[in-house]
Structures are given as C-alpha cells and as structure tokens.
Amino acid sequence: MMIEETVLNYLSDALDAPVCMEVPPEPPGRFVVLEKTGSGRTDHICSAVIAVQSYAESLLEAARLNKRVKEAMDELDDLDEIASVRLNTDCNFTDPAAKRYRYQAVFDITHY
C-alpha cells in the first residue's frame, strides 16, 4: 500500500472530520487534506514527508483540528508498516486567496 493511502485510511478512522487527498469541490466546514511533499529510500527503507492541512471555519478551530491531527499521528507508528513518525513543523497556513482558515503540520515518516 502507498504511504498516502496508509495515512489517509489511518486518519480517516482517527479523526471526526473528513480526510481527503485534495480540497473537495464543495468543502465542508472542517476537513483535512494530505499531501506527500517528498520521499526517499535507503537500503529498502522508505521515507516520506507528509503535509497535513487542517481546514476549519475559524482560526481557533483550525488550530484545534491541527492538534487532533498531531495527536493521531503520534500513534501512526503503531501500524506494522510504519517504523517512525516525527513532527517536522506545524504552523498557521491560512489561505488568503481562498479565504479559508488552515493549519499545516508536516511529518517525516519512515516506512516499509
């Protein structure tokens, strides 16, 4: 299974907000979007950089959803195919063009 699919399925089960690979055409008030921003492989051990964007109706709600994402991702390495998960950074990532409140958390994931 691809790492994007693994994280998508895991977060879909762990969160009370829809998790997508792209912004839906008619987005709900709160939702999460995943994006793989990089990857690598050394000695058959794969790594990926996954950005998780949390959208909500207000900046505070986006921050709260981001916090829940980080808490869920802390447990991702319970899966057999995940060796480690490390929060690289997270920040307010509000989209002024779309006028949507958004936070982004970026994770470094080592997987098999």
C-alpha atoms as a PDB file:
ATOM      1  CA  MET A   1       0.000   0.000   0.000  1.00  0.00           C
ATOM      2  CA  MET A   2       1.256   3.525  -0.745  1.00  0.00           C
ATOM      3  CA  ILE A   3       2.118   5.709   2.252  1.00  0.00           C
ATOM      4  CA  GLU A   4      -0.522   8.260   1.209  1.00  0.00           C
ATOM      5  CA  GLU A   5      -3.195   5.561   1.337  1.00  0.00           C
ATOM      6  CA  THR A   6      -1.950   4.278   4.692  1.00  0.00           C
ATOM      7  CA  VAL A   7      -2.073   7.751   6.272  1.00  0.00           C
ATOM      8  CA  LEU A   8      -5.408   8.576   4.599  1.00  0.00           C
ATOM      9  CA  ASN A   9      -7.054   5.423   5.953  1.00  0.00           C
ATOM     10  CA  TYR A  10      -5.498   5.838   9.397  1.00  0.00           C
ATOM     11  CA  LEU A  11      -6.529   9.489   9.829  1.00  0.00           C
ATOM     12  CA  SER A  12      -9.995   8.822   8.398  1.00  0.00           C
ATOM     13  CA  ASP A  13     -10.534   6.355  11.235  1.00  0.00           C
ATOM     14  CA  ALA A  14      -8.869   8.529  13.900  1.00  0.00           C
ATOM     15  CA  LEU A  15     -10.482  11.922  13.224  1.00  0.00           C
ATOM     16  CA  ASP A  16     -14.039  13.230  13.359  1.00  0.00           C
ATOM     17  CA  ALA A  17     -13.507  15.308  10.196  1.00  0.00           C
ATOM     18  CA  PRO A  18     -13.356  14.155   6.556  1.00  0.00           C
ATOM     19  CA  VAL A  19      -9.814  13.376   5.314  1.00  0.00           C
ATOM     20  CA  CYS A  20      -9.092  13.908   1.600  1.00  0.00           C
ATOM     21  CA  MET A  21      -6.196  13.983  -0.836  1.00  0.00           C
ATOM     22  CA  GLU A  22      -7.403  17.294  -2.306  1.00  0.00           C
ATOM     23  CA  VAL A  23      -9.791  20.101  -1.410  1.00  0.00           C
ATOM     24  CA  PRO A  24     -13.307  18.889  -2.271  1.00  0.00           C
ATOM     25  CA  PRO A  25     -15.294  20.890  -4.871  1.00  0.00           C
ATOM     26  CA  GLU A  26     -17.825  21.786  -2.161  1.00  0.00           C
ATOM     27  CA  PRO A  27     -15.774  21.576   1.031  1.00  0.00           C
ATOM     28  CA  PRO A  28     -17.416  21.042   4.413  1.00  0.00           C
ATOM     29  CA  GLY A  29     -16.687  23.466   7.247  1.00  0.00           C
ATOM     30  CA  ARG A  30     -13.952  21.243   8.728  1.00  0.00           C
ATOM     31  CA  PHE A  31     -11.783  18.828   6.800  1.00  0.00           C
ATOM     32  CA  VAL A  32      -8.202  17.606   6.403  1.00  0.00           C
ATOM     33  CA  VAL A  33      -6.095  17.365   3.233  1.00  0.00           C
ATOM     34  CA  LEU A  34      -2.979  15.178   2.876  1.00  0.00           C
ATOM     35  CA  GLU A  35      -0.100  15.856   0.517  1.00  0.00           C
ATOM     36  CA  LYS A  36       3.160  13.965   0.102  1.00  0.00           C
ATOM     37  CA  THR A  37       5.817  16.629  -0.423  1.00  0.00           C
ATOM     38  CA  GLY A  38       8.864  14.384  -0.668  1.00  0.00           C
ATOM     39  CA  SER A  39      10.206  10.862  -0.341  1.00  0.00           C
ATOM     40  CA  GLY A  40      13.362   8.795  -0.342  1.00  0.00           C
ATOM     41  CA  ARG A  41      14.711   5.277   0.064  1.00  0.00           C
ATOM     42  CA  THR A  42      17.873   3.868   1.649  1.00  0.00           C
ATOM     43  CA  ASP A  43      18.573   0.130   1.882  1.00  0.00           C
ATOM     44  CA  HIS A  44      14.924  -0.699   1.081  1.00  0.00           C
ATOM     45  CA  ILE A  45      13.687   1.513   3.928  1.00  0.00           C
ATOM     46  CA  CYS A  46      11.376   4.240   2.607  1.00  0.00           C
ATOM     47  CA  SER A  47      10.828   7.724   3.945  1.00  0.00           C
ATOM     48  CA  ALA A  48       8.163  10.281   3.146  1.00  0.00           C
ATOM     49  CA  VAL A  49       7.361  13.853   4.068  1.00  0.00           C
ATOM     50  CA  ILE A  50       3.614  14.272   4.505  1.00  0.00           C
ATOM     51  CA  ALA A  51       1.913  17.644   4.939  1.00  0.00           C
ATOM     52  CA  VAL A  52      -1.447  17.517   6.697  1.00  0.00           C
ATOM     53  CA  GLN A  53      -3.588  20.617   6.268  1.00  0.00           C
ATOM     54  CA  SER A  54      -6.437  21.213   8.710  1.00  0.00           C
ATOM     55  CA  TYR A  55      -9.238  23.484   7.453  1.00  0.00           C
ATOM     56  CA  ALA A  56     -11.983  24.938   9.661  1.00  0.00           C
ATOM     57  CA  GLU A  57     -14.485  27.779   9.999  1.00  0.00           C
ATOM     58  CA  SER A  58     -12.220  29.803  12.306  1.00  0.00           C
ATOM     59  CA  LEU A  59      -8.520  30.034  13.037  1.00  0.00           C
ATOM     60  CA  LEU A  60      -9.072  28.609  16.526  1.00  0.00           C
ATOM     61  CA  GLU A  61     -10.996  25.619  15.146  1.00  0.00           C
ATOM     62  CA  ALA A  62      -8.264  25.014  12.542  1.00  0.00           C
ATOM     63  CA  ALA A  63      -5.696  25.041  15.377  1.00  0.00           C
ATOM     64  CA  ARG A  64      -7.801  22.580  17.391  1.00  0.00           C
ATOM     65  CA  LEU A  65      -8.159  20.246  14.416  1.00  0.00           C
ATOM     66  CA  ASN A  66      -4.394  20.501  13.825  1.00  0.00           C
ATOM     67  CA  LYS A  67      -3.828  19.477  17.458  1.00  0.00           C
ATOM     68  CA  ARG A  68      -6.032  16.399  16.958  1.00  0.00           C
ATOM     69  CA  VAL A  69      -4.101  15.548  13.775  1.00  0.00           C
ATOM     70  CA  LYS A  70      -0.790  15.711  15.677  1.00  0.00           C
ATOM     71  CA  GLU A  71      -2.159  13.531  18.484  1.00  0.00           C
ATOM     72  CA  ALA A  72      -3.397  10.950  15.973  1.00  0.00           C
ATOM     73  CA  MET A  73      -0.137  10.981  14.020  1.00  0.00           C
ATOM     74  CA  ASP A  74       1.755  10.308  17.260  1.00  0.00           C
ATOM     75  CA  GLU A  75       0.165   6.834  17.185  1.00  0.00           C
ATOM     76  CA  LEU A  76       0.720   6.113  13.464  1.00  0.00           C
ATOM     77  CA  ASP A  77       3.839   4.097  14.247  1.00  0.00           C
ATOM     78  CA  ASP A  78       1.606   1.512  15.948  1.00  0.00           C
ATOM     79  CA  LEU A  79       0.994   0.210  12.407  1.00  0.00           C
ATOM     80  CA  ASP A  80       3.332  -2.602  11.358  1.00  0.00           C
ATOM     81  CA  GLU A  81       4.375  -0.830   8.136  1.00  0.00           C
ATOM     82  CA  ILE A  82       5.439   2.371   9.936  1.00  0.00           C
ATOM     83  CA  ALA A  83       8.876   2.475  11.581  1.00  0.00           C
ATOM     84  CA  SER A  84       8.745   6.060  12.891  1.00  0.00           C
ATOM     85  CA  VAL A  85       6.845   9.336  12.710  1.00  0.00           C
ATOM     86  CA  ARG A  86       8.339  12.705  13.601  1.00  0.00           C
ATOM     87  CA  LEU A  87       6.607  16.076  13.591  1.00  0.00           C
ATOM     88  CA  ASN A  88       8.840  18.303  11.476  1.00  0.00           C
ATOM     89  CA  THR A  89       6.870  21.538  11.972  1.00  0.00           C
ATOM     90  CA  ASP A  90       3.374  22.955  12.210  1.00  0.00           C
ATOM     91  CA  CYS A  91       2.053  26.469  11.708  1.00  0.00           C
ATOM     92  CA  ASN A  92      -0.829  28.691  10.757  1.00  0.00           C
ATOM     93  CA  PHE A  93      -1.130  28.256   6.981  1.00  0.00           C
ATOM     94  CA  THR A  94      -4.284  30.282   6.294  1.00  0.00           C
ATOM     95  CA  ASP A  95      -5.107  30.509   2.593  1.00  0.00           C
ATOM     96  CA  PRO A  96      -5.829  34.200   1.893  1.00  0.00           C
ATOM     97  CA  ALA A  97      -6.724  33.598  -1.764  1.00  0.00           C
ATOM     98  CA  ALA A  98      -9.457  31.095  -0.874  1.00  0.00           C
ATOM     99  CA  LYS A  99     -10.248  32.914   2.395  1.00  0.00           C
ATOM    100  CA  ARG A 100     -10.044  29.666   4.378  1.00  0.00           C
ATOM    101  CA  TYR A 101      -8.526  29.171   7.813  1.00  0.00           C
ATOM    102  CA  ARG A 102      -5.930  26.417   7.722  1.00  0.00           C
ATOM    103  CA  TYR A 103      -3.109  24.967   9.799  1.00  0.00           C
ATOM    104  CA  GLN A 104      -0.407  22.701   8.401  1.00  0.00           C
ATOM    105  CA  ALA A 105       1.566  20.006  10.187  1.00  0.00           C
ATOM    106  CA  VAL A 106       4.477  18.357   8.362  1.00  0.00           C
ATOM    107  CA  PHE A 107       5.605  14.861   9.329  1.00  0.00           C
ATOM    108  CA  ASP A 108       8.698  12.816   8.484  1.00  0.00           C
ATOM    109  CA  ILE A 109       7.653   9.178   8.206  1.00  0.00           C
ATOM    110  CA  THR A 110       9.892   6.126   7.878  1.00  0.00           C
ATOM    111  CA  HIS A 111       8.019   3.122   6.497  1.00  0.00           C
ATOM    112  CA  TYR A 112       8.460  -0.292   4.901  1.00  0.00           C
END
